[in-house]
Amino acid sequence: MEPISFKDLKGKVCVITGGSGVIGSEMVKAMASVGVKIAVGGSSPASAEKAAAKLAAEFDTKIIGVEANVLDKASLEKANEIIREKLGPIDILINCAGGNNPGATTKVEEMTEENMDKLEDTFYGLDLNGFDKVFDLNFKGTILPSMVFTKDMLKNKKGVILNVSSMNAYKPLTKIPAYSAAKASINNFTEWLAVHFAKIGIRVNGVAPGFFITSQNRFLVMDEKTGNFSPRGQKIVNNTPMGKFGDPQDLQGATLFLISDISGFITGITIPVDGGYNAFGGV
């Protein structure tokens, strides 16, 4: 028996939506380190190409940027043609595009007697248009790429889809009901699609990142004046058994494991990468 490795990934072609973001970039680095050829998809061609060029300079593999609007099937079809022409048939799809919307976020964590006179700051002030945007980006933005970028997998009767979920899917955070519900839909869809594709050789799994300090959330979880955690940031650490925030690099191992043939008999699961957050009941 040969030693276990990720050498089966060398030369395979992956398209990753949202690949220029913090999480997406770490996934790209992990795949590039084992020789995967990668198309970094983004709604902005300039940012996708810039991210791809920066990553390509670090690794000895081909990485391209391509415009791929996850809510525009025509855009995805065009991207599919470009990727097949420049890199070859697609073997792996990572659905990493996602995000929240201010209109679907409450200003307070809980309703109390003190804030009942400002209903606009509570559940009652949520904007359904904001919900639409969040569900479109996260849920439909996973469905459409899965429809377009898997056609080569059908022909080859082999391939992998990896969806990016969130801790919010398991334990919804206060203030962000739409994002939490949208990510829960990703977990459910991962299971549904895994069953649907199981007999034709396409595996479908997910990763659920825990809490990482990034440029997007730093102002929420850190106190700029003191350099300490904000009250919300401290809550997260207190409820993470490992007692710390994760690093986006912590996703690399789970990513390679789930897209490799090493996990060839695994489909329909979502792995939390969360320092034990999901396992902790708070006491």
Protein backbone atom coordinates (compact mmCIF):
# COMPACT_ATOMS: atom_id res chain seq x y z
CA MET A 1 0.00 0.00 0.00
CA GLU A 2 1.34 3.40 -0.99
CA PRO A 3 1.71 6.12 1.67
CA ILE A 4 -1.32 8.38 1.94
CA SER A 5 -0.80 11.71 0.18
CA PHE A 6 -2.60 14.31 -1.89
CA LYS A 7 -0.71 13.45 -5.06
CA ASP A 8 -3.96 12.47 -6.81
CA LEU A 9 -4.79 16.21 -6.90
CA LYS A 10 -1.77 17.20 -9.00
CA GLY A 11 -2.88 18.47 -12.40
CA LYS A 12 -6.58 18.50 -11.57
CA VAL A 13 -8.62 21.58 -12.42
CA CYS A 14 -10.58 23.48 -9.78
CA VAL A 15 -12.82 26.51 -10.03
CA ILE A 16 -13.45 28.38 -6.80
CA THR A 17 -16.06 31.12 -6.56
CA GLY A 18 -15.24 33.91 -4.14
CA GLY A 19 -11.65 32.80 -4.45
CA SER A 20 -10.13 36.21 -3.81
CA GLY A 21 -11.56 36.48 -0.27
CA VAL A 22 -9.75 35.61 2.95
CA ILE A 23 -11.09 32.05 3.17
CA GLY A 24 -10.99 31.47 -0.57
CA SER A 25 -7.36 32.57 -0.81
CA GLU A 26 -6.29 30.06 1.83
CA MET A 27 -8.10 27.30 -0.02
CA VAL A 28 -6.34 28.33 -3.23
CA LYS A 29 -2.96 28.23 -1.48
CA ALA A 30 -3.66 24.75 -0.14
CA MET A 31 -4.59 23.43 -3.58
CA ALA A 32 -1.73 25.21 -5.33
CA SER A 33 0.74 23.64 -2.91
CA VAL A 34 -0.18 20.18 -4.26
CA GLY A 35 -0.29 21.15 -7.94
CA VAL A 36 -3.96 21.81 -8.60
CA LYS A 37 -4.67 24.12 -11.55
CA ILE A 38 -7.05 26.79 -10.32
CA ALA A 39 -9.53 29.31 -11.70
CA VAL A 40 -10.27 32.05 -9.18
CA GLY A 41 -13.80 33.25 -9.91
CA GLY A 42 -15.19 36.60 -8.87
CA SER A 43 -17.89 39.08 -9.82
CA SER A 44 -15.13 41.63 -10.45
CA PRO A 45 -12.75 40.42 -13.17
CA ALA A 46 -10.08 42.86 -12.03
CA SER A 47 -10.03 41.61 -8.44
CA ALA A 48 -10.14 37.97 -9.55
CA GLU A 49 -7.22 38.46 -11.93
CA LYS A 50 -5.24 40.43 -9.35
CA ALA A 51 -5.73 37.73 -6.71
CA ALA A 52 -4.84 34.99 -9.19
CA ALA A 53 -1.67 36.76 -10.31
CA LYS A 54 -0.52 37.27 -6.72
CA LEU A 55 -1.10 33.62 -5.83
CA ALA A 56 0.41 32.32 -9.07
CA ALA A 57 3.63 34.14 -8.22
CA GLU A 58 3.91 32.07 -5.01
CA PHE A 59 3.30 28.61 -6.42
CA ASP A 60 4.48 26.43 -9.27
CA THR A 61 1.08 25.79 -10.80
CA LYS A 62 -1.30 27.57 -13.16
CA ILE A 63 -3.75 29.99 -11.52
CA ILE A 64 -6.03 32.25 -13.53
CA GLY A 65 -8.64 34.82 -12.63
CA VAL A 66 -12.00 34.79 -14.37
CA GLU A 67 -15.19 36.80 -14.12
CA ALA A 68 -17.87 34.57 -12.61
CA ASN A 69 -20.98 36.21 -11.21
CA VAL A 70 -22.60 33.45 -9.15
CA LEU A 71 -26.08 34.93 -9.73
CA ASP A 72 -25.74 35.19 -13.52
CA LYS A 73 -25.87 31.87 -15.36
CA ALA A 74 -24.65 33.46 -18.61
CA SER A 75 -21.59 34.80 -16.79
CA LEU A 76 -20.90 31.37 -15.36
CA GLU A 77 -21.31 29.67 -18.74
CA LYS A 78 -18.81 32.09 -20.27
CA ALA A 79 -16.39 31.47 -17.39
CA ASN A 80 -16.79 27.73 -17.91
CA GLU A 81 -15.70 28.06 -21.54
CA ILE A 82 -12.66 30.16 -20.61
CA ILE A 83 -11.60 27.74 -17.87
CA ARG A 84 -11.92 24.70 -20.12
CA GLU A 85 -9.90 26.47 -22.83
CA LYS A 86 -7.11 27.65 -20.52
CA LEU A 87 -6.93 24.88 -17.92
CA GLY A 88 -8.93 21.91 -19.21
CA PRO A 89 -12.03 20.04 -18.01
CA ILE A 90 -13.15 20.90 -14.48
CA ASP A 91 -12.63 18.25 -11.78
CA ILE A 92 -13.40 20.24 -8.63
CA LEU A 93 -15.81 23.04 -7.73
CA ILE A 94 -15.55 25.02 -4.49
CA ASN A 95 -18.54 27.24 -3.76
CA CYS A 96 -16.97 29.90 -1.55
CA ALA A 97 -18.90 33.04 -2.56
CA GLY A 98 -21.14 34.37 0.19
CA GLY A 99 -21.82 37.23 2.55
CA ASN A 100 -24.28 39.15 4.68
CA ASN A 101 -26.33 42.33 4.17
CA PRO A 102 -26.92 45.22 6.62
CA GLY A 103 -30.64 45.22 5.86
CA ALA A 104 -30.93 41.67 7.21
CA THR A 105 -29.07 42.46 10.43
CA THR A 106 -30.60 43.66 13.70
CA LYS A 107 -28.93 46.44 15.66
CA VAL A 108 -29.49 44.73 19.01
CA GLU A 109 -28.78 41.14 20.03
CA GLU A 110 -32.01 40.59 21.96
CA MET A 111 -35.31 42.31 22.57
CA THR A 112 -35.66 43.68 26.09
CA GLU A 113 -38.12 45.92 27.83
CA GLU A 114 -35.57 48.73 27.45
CA ASN A 115 -35.44 48.57 23.65
CA MET A 116 -39.10 47.81 22.94
CA ASP A 117 -39.65 51.49 22.15
CA LYS A 118 -37.18 51.20 19.24
CA LEU A 119 -38.63 48.31 17.28
CA GLU A 120 -36.65 49.34 14.19
CA ASP A 121 -33.50 48.08 15.96
CA THR A 122 -35.00 44.62 16.54
CA PHE A 123 -36.47 41.77 14.51
CA TYR A 124 -39.28 44.11 13.45
CA GLY A 125 -36.86 46.40 11.66
CA LEU A 126 -35.44 43.77 9.32
CA ASP A 127 -35.70 44.41 5.58
CA LEU A 128 -36.96 41.51 3.45
CA ASN A 129 -35.02 42.88 0.50
CA GLY A 130 -31.92 42.30 2.59
CA PHE A 131 -33.04 38.72 3.19
CA ASP A 132 -33.45 38.24 -0.55
CA LYS A 133 -29.92 39.47 -1.21
CA VAL A 134 -28.43 37.21 1.45
CA PHE A 135 -30.28 34.10 0.28
CA ASP A 136 -29.55 34.85 -3.36
CA LEU A 137 -25.81 35.25 -2.79
CA ASN A 138 -25.34 32.32 -0.42
CA PHE A 139 -27.93 29.76 -1.53
CA LYS A 140 -28.63 30.51 -5.19
CA GLY A 141 -24.96 31.46 -5.49
CA THR A 142 -24.16 27.85 -4.63
CA ILE A 143 -26.85 26.26 -6.78
CA LEU A 144 -26.07 28.05 -10.06
CA PRO A 145 -22.30 27.32 -10.12
CA SER A 146 -23.10 23.70 -9.26
CA MET A 147 -25.34 23.52 -12.31
CA VAL A 148 -22.75 25.02 -14.66
CA PHE A 149 -19.31 23.84 -13.51
CA THR A 150 -20.12 20.14 -13.07
CA LYS A 151 -20.87 19.19 -16.68
CA ASP A 152 -17.33 17.83 -17.21
CA MET A 153 -17.71 15.80 -14.04
CA LEU A 154 -20.85 14.21 -15.49
CA LYS A 155 -18.96 13.17 -18.61
CA ASN A 156 -16.06 11.74 -16.58
CA LYS A 157 -18.36 10.22 -13.94
CA LYS A 158 -16.07 11.64 -11.28
CA GLY A 159 -15.72 14.95 -9.51
CA VAL A 160 -16.02 16.88 -6.27
CA ILE A 161 -18.09 19.81 -5.06
CA LEU A 162 -17.07 21.49 -1.81
CA ASN A 163 -19.49 24.00 -0.31
CA VAL A 164 -18.53 26.60 2.29
CA SER A 165 -20.98 26.78 5.15
CA SER A 166 -20.54 28.45 8.55
CA MET A 167 -20.91 27.91 12.29
CA ASN A 168 -24.06 30.00 11.92
CA ALA A 169 -25.65 27.01 10.20
CA TYR A 170 -25.49 25.02 13.46
CA LYS A 171 -25.88 27.75 16.07
CA PRO A 172 -27.37 30.97 14.68
CA LEU A 173 -25.63 34.07 15.96
CA THR A 174 -27.57 36.99 17.33
CA LYS A 175 -28.19 39.91 14.95
CA ILE A 176 -27.76 37.96 11.67
CA PRO A 177 -30.86 35.77 11.10
CA ALA A 178 -30.73 35.79 7.30
CA TYR A 179 -27.07 34.81 7.06
CA SER A 180 -27.52 32.05 9.65
CA ALA A 181 -30.57 30.64 7.84
CA ALA A 182 -28.88 30.90 4.44
CA LYS A 183 -25.85 28.97 5.65
CA ALA A 184 -28.14 26.34 7.19
CA SER A 185 -29.63 25.94 3.72
CA ILE A 186 -26.12 25.21 2.39
CA ASN A 187 -25.77 22.27 4.80
CA ASN A 188 -29.16 20.91 3.75
CA PHE A 189 -28.43 21.37 0.04
CA THR A 190 -25.05 19.67 0.45
CA GLU A 191 -26.80 16.56 1.75
CA TRP A 192 -29.50 16.70 -0.92
CA LEU A 193 -27.08 17.09 -3.81
CA ALA A 194 -24.75 14.42 -2.44
CA VAL A 195 -27.59 11.89 -2.63
CA HIS A 196 -28.67 13.12 -6.06
CA PHE A 197 -25.16 12.73 -7.52
CA ALA A 198 -23.93 9.71 -5.57
CA LYS A 199 -24.42 7.07 -8.26
CA ILE A 200 -22.78 9.06 -11.05
CA GLY A 201 -19.51 9.63 -9.19
CA ILE A 202 -19.74 13.24 -8.00
CA ARG A 203 -19.13 13.71 -4.29
CA VAL A 204 -20.58 16.74 -2.45
CA ASN A 205 -19.32 17.87 0.94
CA GLY A 206 -18.87 21.05 2.92
CA VAL A 207 -16.70 22.84 5.45
CA ALA A 208 -18.12 25.06 8.18
CA PRO A 209 -15.57 27.63 9.32
CA GLY A 210 -15.68 28.72 12.92
CA PHE A 211 -14.47 32.15 13.94
CA PHE A 212 -11.42 33.77 12.39
CA ILE A 213 -10.24 37.36 12.74
CA THR A 214 -10.26 38.89 9.28
CA SER A 215 -10.20 42.37 7.81
CA GLN A 216 -13.99 42.14 7.43
CA ASN A 217 -14.81 41.37 11.06
CA ARG A 218 -11.88 42.83 12.97
CA PHE A 219 -13.84 45.94 13.94
CA LEU A 220 -16.57 43.73 15.45
CA VAL A 221 -14.40 41.39 17.50
CA MET A 222 -11.48 43.63 18.50
CA ASP A 223 -11.31 46.88 20.47
CA GLU A 224 -9.07 49.17 18.42
CA LYS A 225 -8.19 51.38 21.39
CA THR A 226 -7.08 48.64 23.79
CA GLY A 227 -6.11 45.88 21.37
CA ASN A 228 -8.22 43.46 23.41
CA PHE A 229 -11.28 41.55 22.29
CA SER A 230 -14.54 43.46 22.06
CA PRO A 231 -17.40 42.13 24.23
CA ARG A 232 -18.68 40.17 21.21
CA GLY A 233 -15.20 38.87 20.44
CA GLN A 234 -14.73 37.76 24.04
CA LYS A 235 -18.06 35.92 23.91
CA ILE A 236 -16.78 33.94 20.93
CA VAL A 237 -13.53 33.01 22.64
CA ASN A 238 -15.36 32.05 25.85
CA ASN A 239 -17.58 29.68 23.87
CA THR A 240 -14.73 28.12 21.87
CA PRO A 241 -13.21 25.25 23.87
CA MET A 242 -9.77 25.88 22.37
CA GLY A 243 -10.02 29.40 23.80
CA LYS A 244 -8.98 31.32 20.70
CA PHE A 245 -9.93 32.48 17.23
CA GLY A 246 -8.85 30.28 14.37
CA ASP A 247 -6.59 31.19 11.49
CA PRO A 248 -7.95 30.92 7.92
CA GLN A 249 -5.04 28.55 7.24
CA ASP A 250 -6.77 26.07 9.55
CA LEU A 251 -9.18 25.33 6.68
CA GLN A 252 -6.46 24.03 4.39
CA GLY A 253 -6.26 20.49 5.74
CA ALA A 254 -10.01 19.90 5.64
CA THR A 255 -10.17 21.34 2.13
CA LEU A 256 -7.50 19.02 0.72
CA PHE A 257 -8.94 16.02 2.55
CA LEU A 258 -12.45 16.48 1.16
CA ILE A 259 -11.43 17.16 -2.46
CA SER A 260 -8.89 14.34 -2.56
CA ASP A 261 -9.51 10.67 -3.36
CA ILE A 262 -8.40 10.04 0.24
CA SER A 263 -12.02 10.81 1.17
CA GLY A 264 -13.41 8.85 -1.76
CA PHE A 265 -16.15 7.14 0.30
CA ILE A 266 -17.27 10.36 2.00
CA THR A 267 -20.16 12.39 0.65
CA GLY A 268 -22.95 14.48 2.14
CA ILE A 269 -21.11 15.76 5.21
CA THR A 270 -20.09 19.20 6.42
CA ILE A 271 -17.01 19.35 8.64
CA PRO A 272 -16.87 22.08 11.31
CA VAL A 273 -13.45 23.73 11.56
CA ASP A 274 -14.22 25.62 14.72
CA GLY A 275 -11.98 24.86 17.69
CA GLY A 276 -14.81 22.88 19.28
CA TYR A 277 -17.38 25.71 19.19
CA ASN A 278 -20.14 23.48 17.81
CA ALA A 279 -19.54 20.83 20.47
CA PHE A 280 -19.82 23.23 23.43
CA GLY A 281 -23.13 23.76 25.20
CA GLY A 282 -22.01 26.84 27.10
CA VAL A 283 -21.56 25.18 30.50
